Amino acid sequence: MREKFPTGTVTFLFTDVEGSTRLLDELGEGYAEVLAEHHRVVREAIDEHGGVEVDTQGDAFFVSFERASDAVAAAAAAQESLASTGLRVRMGIHTGEPLLADTGYIGMDVHRAARVMSAGHGGQIVLSQTTRDLLDE
C-alpha cells in the first residue's frame, strides 16, 4: 500500500468527529451505523479527489494527497455530504515534505497537520498557511 503514498511535497488531511464520546454514549449500539456512514462519506470524498488513506482510528482519518487543491476539494465534499448526517467533523490540512519510511510518513509536517486539525471545531476545515499559499498559485 505504501507504494501508493505520494512523496515529495505532500498535503495531509486529518479529520476527527467532534463529540464522538458523547455521541457514542447517547446512541449506544446505534453509533456503529452512524460511524459506518461517516466512513463511507469520507472515503468516497477521498477517492473522488485522488487521496490515499494512510490510517484511520475510530472516527478519525489521516489522508495524503499529491496536490493541496485536491485535499481541500475532498474536505469540502466530505463536509457537504456530512452536513445531512448531523455529525460535526473537524478537518485540518497542511502541506509539507515528510519522510516516507517503512512505517509510513514521519516528520514535523505530520505533526503540524494533526495540530491544524486540532485547532478546528466540528464543521470547519482549517488550512495551514503553507497550504493556503499553494492554493493561490
C-alpha atoms as a PDB file:
ATOM      1  CA  MET A   1       0.000   0.000   0.000  1.00  0.00           C
ATOM      2  CA  ARG A   2       2.835   2.424   0.763  1.00  0.00           C
ATOM      3  CA  GLU A   3       3.797   2.367  -2.903  1.00  0.00           C
ATOM      4  CA  LYS A   4       0.626   4.415  -3.489  1.00  0.00           C
ATOM      5  CA  PHE A   5       1.590   7.083  -0.935  1.00  0.00           C
ATOM      6  CA  PRO A   6       2.619  10.375  -2.536  1.00  0.00           C
ATOM      7  CA  THR A   7       6.187  11.517  -1.919  1.00  0.00           C
ATOM      8  CA  GLY A   8       7.954  14.863  -2.189  1.00  0.00           C
ATOM      9  CA  THR A   9       5.569  17.694  -1.441  1.00  0.00           C
ATOM     10  CA  VAL A  10       2.509  16.091   0.149  1.00  0.00           C
ATOM     11  CA  THR A  11      -0.695  17.541   1.539  1.00  0.00           C
ATOM     12  CA  PHE A  12      -2.179  15.867   4.593  1.00  0.00           C
ATOM     13  CA  LEU A  13      -5.802  15.863   5.677  1.00  0.00           C
ATOM     14  CA  PHE A  14      -6.662  14.902   9.245  1.00  0.00           C
ATOM     15  CA  THR A  15     -10.283  14.536  10.366  1.00  0.00           C
ATOM     16  CA  ASP A  16     -11.997  13.900  13.689  1.00  0.00           C
ATOM     17  CA  VAL A  17     -15.637  13.683  14.751  1.00  0.00           C
ATOM     18  CA  GLU A  18     -16.352  16.324  17.376  1.00  0.00           C
ATOM     19  CA  GLY A  19     -18.052  14.977  20.493  1.00  0.00           C
ATOM     20  CA  SER A  20     -17.776  11.339  19.465  1.00  0.00           C
ATOM     21  CA  THR A  21     -17.577  10.046  23.039  1.00  0.00           C
ATOM     22  CA  ARG A  22     -20.778  11.879  23.951  1.00  0.00           C
ATOM     23  CA  LEU A  23     -22.410  10.657  20.751  1.00  0.00           C
ATOM     24  CA  LEU A  24     -21.410   7.066  21.491  1.00  0.00           C
ATOM     25  CA  ASP A  25     -22.897   7.386  24.963  1.00  0.00           C
ATOM     26  CA  GLU A  26     -26.144   8.800  23.550  1.00  0.00           C
ATOM     27  CA  LEU A  27     -26.554   6.364  20.654  1.00  0.00           C
ATOM     28  CA  GLY A  28     -25.160   3.189  22.181  1.00  0.00           C
ATOM     29  CA  GLU A  29     -25.182   0.424  19.583  1.00  0.00           C
ATOM     30  CA  GLY A  30     -26.668   2.847  17.043  1.00  0.00           C
ATOM     31  CA  TYR A  31     -23.315   4.596  16.929  1.00  0.00           C
ATOM     32  CA  ALA A  32     -21.963   1.796  14.728  1.00  0.00           C
ATOM     33  CA  GLU A  33     -24.352   2.756  11.931  1.00  0.00           C
ATOM     34  CA  VAL A  34     -23.504   6.456  12.241  1.00  0.00           C
ATOM     35  CA  LEU A  35     -19.774   5.670  12.212  1.00  0.00           C
ATOM     36  CA  ALA A  36     -20.157   3.433   9.150  1.00  0.00           C
ATOM     37  CA  GLU A  37     -21.942   6.232   7.272  1.00  0.00           C
ATOM     38  CA  HIS A  38     -19.200   8.672   8.304  1.00  0.00           C
ATOM     39  CA  HIS A  39     -16.538   6.295   6.972  1.00  0.00           C
ATOM     40  CA  ARG A  40     -18.434   5.779   3.717  1.00  0.00           C
ATOM     41  CA  VAL A  41     -18.860   9.514   3.105  1.00  0.00           C
ATOM     42  CA  VAL A  42     -15.266  10.437   3.924  1.00  0.00           C
ATOM     43  CA  ARG A  43     -13.803   7.572   1.888  1.00  0.00           C
ATOM     44  CA  GLU A  44     -15.966   8.496  -1.097  1.00  0.00           C
ATOM     45  CA  ALA A  45     -14.640  12.081  -0.995  1.00  0.00           C
ATOM     46  CA  ILE A  46     -11.061  10.856  -0.585  1.00  0.00           C
ATOM     47  CA  ASP A  47     -11.348   8.502  -3.559  1.00  0.00           C
ATOM     48  CA  GLU A  48     -13.101  11.116  -5.708  1.00  0.00           C
ATOM     49  CA  HIS A  49     -10.217  13.540  -5.256  1.00  0.00           C
ATOM     50  CA  GLY A  50      -7.225  11.211  -5.525  1.00  0.00           C
ATOM     51  CA  GLY A  51      -6.385  10.867  -1.844  1.00  0.00           C
ATOM     52  CA  VAL A  52      -4.727   7.897  -0.211  1.00  0.00           C
ATOM     53  CA  GLU A  53      -5.962   6.759   3.179  1.00  0.00           C
ATOM     54  CA  VAL A  54      -2.881   6.474   5.377  1.00  0.00           C
ATOM     55  CA  ASP A  55      -4.643   5.468   8.581  1.00  0.00           C
ATOM     56  CA  THR A  56      -7.967   5.502  10.350  1.00  0.00           C
ATOM     57  CA  GLN A  57      -8.574   5.184  14.053  1.00  0.00           C
ATOM     58  CA  GLY A  58     -12.149   5.053  15.259  1.00  0.00           C
ATOM     59  CA  ASP A  59     -13.709   8.240  13.914  1.00  0.00           C
ATOM     60  CA  ALA A  60     -10.504   9.867  12.630  1.00  0.00           C
ATOM     61  CA  PHE A  61      -8.824   9.772   9.228  1.00  0.00           C
ATOM     62  CA  PHE A  62      -5.252  10.503   8.128  1.00  0.00           C
ATOM     63  CA  VAL A  63      -5.063  11.011   4.350  1.00  0.00           C
ATOM     64  CA  SER A  64      -2.379  12.122   1.888  1.00  0.00           C
ATOM     65  CA  PHE A  65      -2.744  13.942  -1.424  1.00  0.00           C
ATOM     66  CA  GLU A  66      -0.338  14.922  -4.182  1.00  0.00           C
ATOM     67  CA  ARG A  67      -1.985  18.339  -4.530  1.00  0.00           C
ATOM     68  CA  ALA A  68      -3.246  20.800  -1.944  1.00  0.00           C
ATOM     69  CA  SER A  69      -6.267  21.678  -4.077  1.00  0.00           C
ATOM     70  CA  ASP A  70      -7.351  18.028  -4.130  1.00  0.00           C
ATOM     71  CA  ALA A  71      -7.153  17.801  -0.333  1.00  0.00           C
ATOM     72  CA  VAL A  72      -9.267  20.930   0.038  1.00  0.00           C
ATOM     73  CA  ALA A  73     -11.788  19.675  -2.523  1.00  0.00           C
ATOM     74  CA  ALA A  74     -12.055  16.321  -0.736  1.00  0.00           C
ATOM     75  CA  ALA A  75     -12.549  18.009   2.633  1.00  0.00           C
ATOM     76  CA  ALA A  76     -15.217  20.318   1.223  1.00  0.00           C
ATOM     77  CA  ALA A  77     -17.048  17.417  -0.444  1.00  0.00           C
ATOM     78  CA  ALA A  78     -16.955  15.376   2.748  1.00  0.00           C
ATOM     79  CA  GLN A  79     -18.221  18.279   4.858  1.00  0.00           C
ATOM     80  CA  GLU A  80     -21.044  18.903   2.412  1.00  0.00           C
ATOM     81  CA  SER A  81     -22.115  15.254   2.496  1.00  0.00           C
ATOM     82  CA  LEU A  82     -21.737  15.011   6.273  1.00  0.00           C
ATOM     83  CA  ALA A  83     -23.956  18.047   6.844  1.00  0.00           C
ATOM     84  CA  SER A  84     -27.090  15.943   6.458  1.00  0.00           C
ATOM     85  CA  THR A  85     -25.896  13.339   8.982  1.00  0.00           C
ATOM     86  CA  GLY A  86     -25.723  15.706  11.924  1.00  0.00           C
ATOM     87  CA  LEU A  87     -22.108  14.728  12.541  1.00  0.00           C
ATOM     88  CA  ARG A  88     -19.774  17.615  13.170  1.00  0.00           C
ATOM     89  CA  VAL A  89     -16.336  16.779  11.817  1.00  0.00           C
ATOM     90  CA  ARG A  90     -13.291  18.998  12.170  1.00  0.00           C
ATOM     91  CA  MET A  91     -10.710  18.834   9.413  1.00  0.00           C
ATOM     92  CA  GLY A  92      -7.184  20.147   9.150  1.00  0.00           C
ATOM     93  CA  ILE A  93      -4.956  20.388   6.087  1.00  0.00           C
ATOM     94  CA  HIS A  94      -1.208  21.015   5.943  1.00  0.00           C
ATOM     95  CA  THR A  95       1.352  20.672   3.158  1.00  0.00           C
ATOM     96  CA  GLY A  96       4.982  19.739   3.612  1.00  0.00           C
ATOM     97  CA  GLU A  97       7.774  17.378   2.650  1.00  0.00           C
ATOM     98  CA  PRO A  98       7.586  14.426   5.031  1.00  0.00           C
ATOM     99  CA  LEU A  99       9.805  11.372   5.031  1.00  0.00           C
ATOM    100  CA  LEU A 100       8.134   8.168   3.877  1.00  0.00           C
ATOM    101  CA  ALA A 101       9.630   5.339   5.924  1.00  0.00           C
ATOM    102  CA  ASP A 102       8.727   1.674   6.158  1.00  0.00           C
ATOM    103  CA  THR A 103       6.327   2.559   8.959  1.00  0.00           C
ATOM    104  CA  GLY A 104       4.627   5.360   6.999  1.00  0.00           C
ATOM    105  CA  TYR A 105       5.000   9.122   6.989  1.00  0.00           C
ATOM    106  CA  ILE A 106       7.161  10.719   9.650  1.00  0.00           C
ATOM    107  CA  GLY A 107       8.307  14.234  10.368  1.00  0.00           C
ATOM    108  CA  MET A 108       7.167  17.583  11.666  1.00  0.00           C
ATOM    109  CA  ASP A 109       4.712  18.077   8.815  1.00  0.00           C
ATOM    110  CA  VAL A 110       2.656  15.105  10.013  1.00  0.00           C
ATOM    111  CA  HIS A 111       2.545  16.614  13.497  1.00  0.00           C
ATOM    112  CA  ARG A 112       1.683  20.053  12.128  1.00  0.00           C
ATOM    113  CA  ALA A 113      -1.208  18.652  10.116  1.00  0.00           C
ATOM    114  CA  ALA A 114      -2.627  16.973  13.214  1.00  0.00           C
ATOM    115  CA  ARG A 115      -2.270  20.225  15.196  1.00  0.00           C
ATOM    116  CA  VAL A 116      -4.017  22.201  12.453  1.00  0.00           C
ATOM    117  CA  MET A 117      -6.957  19.800  12.675  1.00  0.00           C
ATOM    118  CA  SER A 118      -6.988  20.075  16.471  1.00  0.00           C
ATOM    119  CA  ALA A 119      -7.396  23.850  16.189  1.00  0.00           C
ATOM    120  CA  GLY A 120     -10.715  23.443  14.403  1.00  0.00           C
ATOM    121  CA  HIS A 121     -14.257  22.787  15.525  1.00  0.00           C
ATOM    122  CA  GLY A 122     -16.870  20.475  14.071  1.00  0.00           C
ATOM    123  CA  GLY A 123     -17.907  21.594  10.609  1.00  0.00           C
ATOM    124  CA  GLN A 124     -14.683  23.527   9.982  1.00  0.00           C
ATOM    125  CA  ILE A 125     -11.845  22.961   7.538  1.00  0.00           C
ATOM    126  CA  VAL A 126      -8.697  24.646   8.824  1.00  0.00           C
ATOM    127  CA  LEU A 127      -5.731  25.194   6.479  1.00  0.00           C
ATOM    128  CA  SER A 128      -2.130  25.889   7.361  1.00  0.00           C
ATOM    129  CA  GLN A 129      -0.623  28.979   5.769  1.00  0.00           C
ATOM    130  CA  THR A 130       1.618  26.724   3.678  1.00  0.00           C
ATOM    131  CA  THR A 131      -1.406  25.019   2.146  1.00  0.00           C
ATOM    132  CA  ARG A 132      -3.247  28.311   1.713  1.00  0.00           C
ATOM    133  CA  ASP A 133      -0.303  29.793  -0.173  1.00  0.00           C
ATOM    134  CA  LEU A 134      -0.288  26.835  -2.602  1.00  0.00           C
ATOM    135  CA  LEU A 135      -3.941  27.438  -3.431  1.00  0.00           C
ATOM    136  CA  ASP A 136      -3.075  30.947  -4.620  1.00  0.00           C
ATOM    137  CA  GLU A 137      -0.500  29.713  -7.153  1.00  0.00           C
END
